[in-house]
Every structure is written in structure tokens, then in C-alpha cells.
């Protein structure tokens, strides 16, 4: 296993690699390719009297899974729950999404990627207002046209990128994570196209949300 020293020479070499546009895999945090589940359960066409719920599984494995799930989601102490809720609201997330990342990845979310390519101009302005209200968070914003972007959004975002193909988008996300010493497990993405979901999976991000769901949610 390659060990990356954090001394001054190693830090300078790492920065040079980032600035040159070439990101060498050993310098990136280890990725976990976890598929993002978005849609609710959709089985066969519902029969008369069926409530469209999942199949009732009475097996021993299913019982163990339900017990483990209940134990994992056991409410924490009140002060811990309030702290997590406050942090989730500051990021524009609901409590369950934030706590799920903490439980699955073992880390708090500290960075956000907003890819707004497919939003209308009205939705873009509303999104810019929401993003500018987020504090204590590193932010990467992707827009269709870097020349026509809200001034406040430019000031708030740590990085702004234009429309990019799949490989360039993944490289831009790697660059953002590496420059700010982040981890994929502590970063979530709000996207507006299927290509954004693929990029979130390829870079091992912790959470993906659709832009219209995220910005349409009232905190």
C-alpha cells in the first residue's frame, strides 16, 4: 500500500499534480462504488386489494435484518439528535438523509456539489439563493454557462465549473475533493441529470439528491 507523507515536499507534489490537471489515483481517497437507490419500490402491477407494498418476507434473515435496522435507527440522546438536526438543516437536508450518511459512512457531511445544468433560469435563481444561504460547507457548483451566473453564487462557491462530459465532470469532482482535503464519504451531490448520478457513483459520494427535490423542499 502506498503511504502518502503529508510533509512539505509531498504536499507541494500533490498540489502540482492537482494544478496540472492530472490526478493520480493513489492521491485520491479510496472509493466505495455504492449504487444510489432513488426510486421507491416498484413491483409487478398491483392486483385488486394490493397496497403496492413490498413482499411480506417472514424468513429468519428478514427478521434479523428488521431487528438490525431498528437497532441502527434507534433514536440517539436528545442533544445528539438536535445537533444532527441543526447540521442537516444548515445543509438543506432532512434529518434521515444526514443521519443515514453518518451511519453508513461514519463521517459528517462537510461538502456539497450542485450541478444545475438542466434547471430553468427561474429555478437557477431560486437555487442560487438556497446555495448562498448554506454555511460551513465547501461548495462546488456546475452551471450550463459560466458567463451568466449569479454574482452572489460566484462569491459563495469554492469552485464553479461549466457543462462538462462524464470524464471531465469526474475529474473536476476529484480535483475539488483533493484540493480541499475532503473525502467522498463526506460529500453529497445535488444533480439535475442522469449523468450527474453516474458521476456521484463513480466518485463514491455519500449521497445523491435530485435538484428539484432538494430545492423544492422547505426547511
Protein backbone atom coordinates (compact mmCIF):
# COMPACT_ATOMS: atom_id res chain seq x y z
CA UNK A 1 0.00 0.00 0.00
CA UNK A 2 1.31 3.43 -0.92
CA UNK A 3 1.71 5.78 2.01
CA UNK A 4 1.43 9.49 1.21
CA UNK A 5 3.50 11.61 3.55
CA UNK A 6 1.98 14.98 4.46
CA UNK A 7 5.34 16.74 4.67
CA UNK A 8 6.02 19.97 2.76
CA UNK A 9 7.58 18.23 -0.26
CA UNK A 10 4.72 15.72 -0.55
CA UNK A 11 2.14 18.49 -0.17
CA UNK A 12 3.83 20.53 -2.90
CA UNK A 13 3.97 17.50 -5.20
CA UNK A 14 0.30 16.76 -4.57
CA UNK A 15 -0.70 20.34 -5.33
CA UNK A 16 1.38 20.32 -8.51
CA UNK A 17 -0.41 17.18 -9.66
CA UNK A 18 -3.78 18.80 -8.99
CA UNK A 19 -2.94 22.08 -10.70
CA UNK A 20 -1.60 20.27 -13.75
CA UNK A 21 -4.98 18.62 -14.25
CA UNK A 22 -3.62 15.09 -13.83
CA UNK A 23 -4.97 13.33 -10.75
CA UNK A 24 -3.08 10.19 -9.87
CA UNK A 25 -5.25 7.53 -8.25
CA UNK A 26 -3.08 6.89 -5.14
CA UNK A 27 -3.51 10.53 -4.11
CA UNK A 28 -7.30 10.20 -4.03
CA UNK A 29 -9.22 8.77 -1.04
CA UNK A 30 -10.25 5.17 -1.53
CA UNK A 31 -13.61 4.96 -3.29
CA UNK A 32 -16.58 2.79 -2.49
CA UNK A 33 -18.79 2.18 -5.50
CA UNK A 34 -22.19 2.11 -3.84
CA UNK A 35 -25.25 2.31 -6.10
CA UNK A 36 -27.59 5.15 -5.18
CA UNK A 37 -31.17 4.00 -4.65
CA UNK A 38 -33.63 6.73 -5.55
CA UNK A 39 -36.97 5.33 -6.63
CA UNK A 40 -39.47 3.69 -4.24
CA UNK A 41 -40.39 0.04 -4.52
CA UNK A 42 -41.99 -0.82 -7.87
CA UNK A 43 -43.06 -4.44 -8.26
CA UNK A 44 -45.48 -6.07 -10.64
CA UNK A 45 -48.74 -4.29 -11.48
CA UNK A 46 -50.84 -4.21 -8.34
CA UNK A 47 -53.74 -6.65 -8.09
CA UNK A 48 -57.11 -5.81 -6.58
CA UNK A 49 -56.71 -5.24 -2.87
CA UNK A 50 -52.89 -4.86 -3.09
CA UNK A 51 -51.43 -1.78 -1.41
CA UNK A 52 -48.30 -1.79 -3.65
CA UNK A 53 -46.08 -2.54 -0.68
CA UNK A 54 -43.06 -4.88 -0.71
CA UNK A 55 -43.48 -8.63 -0.49
CA UNK A 56 -44.03 -9.84 3.07
CA UNK A 57 -40.88 -11.78 3.99
CA UNK A 58 -41.19 -13.98 7.08
CA UNK A 59 -37.78 -15.61 6.77
CA UNK A 60 -35.19 -15.68 9.56
CA UNK A 61 -32.82 -13.48 7.53
CA UNK A 62 -35.53 -10.87 7.03
CA UNK A 63 -36.32 -10.88 10.75
CA UNK A 64 -32.64 -10.35 11.59
CA UNK A 65 -32.45 -7.52 9.06
CA UNK A 66 -35.50 -5.79 10.58
CA UNK A 67 -34.02 -6.11 14.07
CA UNK A 68 -30.67 -4.69 12.93
CA UNK A 69 -32.42 -1.88 11.07
CA UNK A 70 -34.46 -0.95 14.14
CA UNK A 71 -31.34 -1.02 16.32
CA UNK A 72 -29.39 1.13 13.86
CA UNK A 73 -32.15 3.73 13.72
CA UNK A 74 -32.70 3.74 17.46
CA UNK A 75 -33.14 7.41 18.48
CA UNK A 76 -29.92 8.87 19.98
CA UNK A 77 -29.78 11.14 23.00
CA UNK A 78 -31.74 14.35 22.65
CA UNK A 79 -28.68 16.61 22.50
CA UNK A 80 -27.07 14.46 19.80
CA UNK A 81 -30.29 14.36 17.76
CA UNK A 82 -30.67 18.15 17.98
CA UNK A 83 -27.06 18.68 16.92
CA UNK A 84 -27.52 16.43 13.89
CA UNK A 85 -30.83 18.07 13.01
CA UNK A 86 -29.29 21.53 13.18
CA UNK A 87 -26.40 20.45 10.97
CA UNK A 88 -28.77 18.79 8.48
CA UNK A 89 -30.90 21.94 8.23
CA UNK A 90 -27.82 24.08 7.60
CA UNK A 91 -27.02 21.83 4.63
CA UNK A 92 -30.61 21.86 3.39
CA UNK A 93 -31.09 18.15 4.17
CA UNK A 94 -33.65 16.25 6.19
CA UNK A 95 -32.57 14.50 9.36
CA UNK A 96 -32.91 10.97 7.99
CA UNK A 97 -30.67 11.65 4.97
CA UNK A 98 -27.97 13.23 7.13
CA UNK A 99 -28.13 10.52 9.82
CA UNK A 100 -28.10 7.82 7.13
CA UNK A 101 -24.79 9.09 5.74
CA UNK A 102 -23.35 9.26 9.24
CA UNK A 103 -24.44 5.68 9.92
CA UNK A 104 -23.32 4.25 6.56
CA UNK A 105 -20.06 6.16 6.10
CA UNK A 106 -19.13 7.07 9.66
CA UNK A 107 -18.49 10.72 8.80
CA UNK A 108 -20.29 14.04 8.86
CA UNK A 109 -21.12 15.79 5.61
CA UNK A 110 -18.92 18.80 5.03
CA UNK A 111 -19.04 19.44 1.28
CA UNK A 112 -21.72 19.77 -1.38
CA UNK A 113 -21.73 19.59 -5.18
CA UNK A 114 -24.57 21.33 -7.01
CA UNK A 115 -24.91 20.56 -10.72
CA UNK A 116 -27.59 22.84 -12.13
CA UNK A 117 -27.19 22.22 -15.87
CA UNK A 118 -30.79 21.18 -16.52
CA UNK A 119 -32.60 23.82 -14.44
CA UNK A 120 -34.54 26.70 -15.95
CA UNK A 121 -33.46 30.32 -15.40
CA UNK A 122 -36.13 30.79 -12.71
CA UNK A 123 -35.07 27.58 -10.96
CA UNK A 124 -31.44 28.69 -11.22
CA UNK A 125 -32.17 31.94 -9.37
CA UNK A 126 -34.04 30.09 -6.64
CA UNK A 127 -31.26 27.54 -6.37
CA UNK A 128 -28.63 30.29 -6.11
CA UNK A 129 -30.47 31.82 -3.15
CA UNK A 130 -30.62 28.48 -1.35
CA UNK A 131 -26.96 27.68 -2.01
CA UNK A 132 -25.79 31.11 -0.81
CA UNK A 133 -27.61 30.53 2.49
CA UNK A 134 -25.54 27.40 3.25
CA UNK A 135 -22.73 27.98 5.75
CA UNK A 136 -19.75 25.99 7.00
CA UNK A 137 -19.58 23.84 3.89
CA UNK A 138 -17.29 23.56 0.86
CA UNK A 139 -19.29 24.00 -2.34
CA UNK A 140 -18.74 23.10 -5.99
CA UNK A 141 -21.29 24.48 -8.44
CA UNK A 142 -21.80 23.35 -12.02
CA UNK A 143 -23.73 25.65 -14.36
CA UNK A 144 -24.53 25.50 -18.09
CA UNK A 145 -22.84 28.83 -18.78
CA UNK A 146 -20.13 30.32 -16.56
CA UNK A 147 -20.58 33.73 -18.17
CA UNK A 148 -24.18 34.03 -17.00
CA UNK A 149 -24.10 33.18 -13.32
CA UNK A 150 -25.41 34.97 -10.27
CA UNK A 151 -22.72 37.16 -8.69
CA UNK A 152 -23.61 36.01 -5.17
CA UNK A 153 -23.29 32.39 -6.22
CA UNK A 154 -19.82 33.03 -7.65
CA UNK A 155 -18.72 34.56 -4.35
CA UNK A 156 -20.18 31.75 -2.24
CA UNK A 157 -18.96 28.76 -4.26
CA UNK A 158 -15.43 27.47 -3.76
CA UNK A 159 -15.35 26.23 -7.37
CA UNK A 160 -17.57 26.90 -10.40
CA UNK A 161 -17.47 24.68 -13.48
CA UNK A 162 -19.30 24.77 -16.79
CA UNK A 163 -21.10 21.98 -18.58
CA UNK A 164 -18.75 19.00 -18.94
CA UNK A 165 -18.72 15.48 -20.33
CA UNK A 166 -18.71 12.50 -18.00
CA UNK A 167 -14.93 12.13 -17.70
CA UNK A 168 -14.31 15.85 -17.25
CA UNK A 169 -17.00 16.01 -14.57
CA UNK A 170 -15.47 13.15 -12.60
CA UNK A 171 -12.04 14.81 -12.91
CA UNK A 172 -13.46 18.13 -11.66
CA UNK A 173 -15.03 16.41 -8.64
CA UNK A 174 -11.75 14.64 -7.86
CA UNK A 175 -9.94 17.96 -8.13
CA UNK A 176 -12.41 19.65 -5.75
CA UNK A 177 -12.14 16.86 -3.16
CA UNK A 178 -8.35 16.73 -3.32
CA UNK A 179 -7.67 20.47 -3.19
CA UNK A 180 -9.82 20.97 -0.09
CA UNK A 181 -8.65 17.75 1.62
CA UNK A 182 -12.18 16.31 1.68
CA UNK A 183 -13.39 12.73 1.42
CA UNK A 184 -16.01 11.31 -0.98
CA UNK A 185 -17.84 9.90 2.05
CA UNK A 186 -18.25 13.40 3.48
CA UNK A 187 -19.56 14.91 0.25
CA UNK A 188 -23.07 14.88 -1.22
CA UNK A 189 -24.34 15.87 -4.65
CA UNK A 190 -27.47 17.62 -5.85
CA UNK A 191 -27.83 16.88 -9.56
CA UNK A 192 -30.26 17.52 -12.38
CA UNK A 193 -29.38 14.84 -14.97
CA UNK A 194 -28.75 11.07 -15.08
CA UNK A 195 -25.09 11.78 -15.93
CA UNK A 196 -24.75 13.51 -12.57
CA UNK A 197 -25.97 10.41 -10.77
CA UNK A 198 -23.39 8.32 -12.63
CA UNK A 199 -20.66 10.79 -11.63
CA UNK A 200 -21.74 10.58 -7.98
CA UNK A 201 -21.46 6.80 -8.11
CA UNK A 202 -18.14 6.84 -9.98
CA UNK A 203 -16.56 9.19 -7.43
CA UNK A 204 -18.00 7.34 -4.43
CA UNK A 205 -20.01 10.24 -2.99
CA UNK A 206 -22.13 9.57 0.08
CA UNK A 207 -25.48 10.89 -1.08
CA UNK A 208 -27.27 11.99 -4.25
CA UNK A 209 -30.44 14.07 -4.44
CA UNK A 210 -32.35 15.38 -7.43
CA UNK A 211 -32.18 19.16 -7.72
CA UNK A 212 -35.92 19.70 -7.98
CA UNK A 213 -36.49 17.60 -4.84
CA UNK A 214 -33.74 19.36 -2.90
CA UNK A 215 -34.63 22.92 -3.85
CA UNK A 216 -38.35 22.23 -3.67
CA UNK A 217 -38.04 21.12 -0.08
CA UNK A 218 -38.98 23.62 2.61
CA UNK A 219 -36.66 23.73 5.61
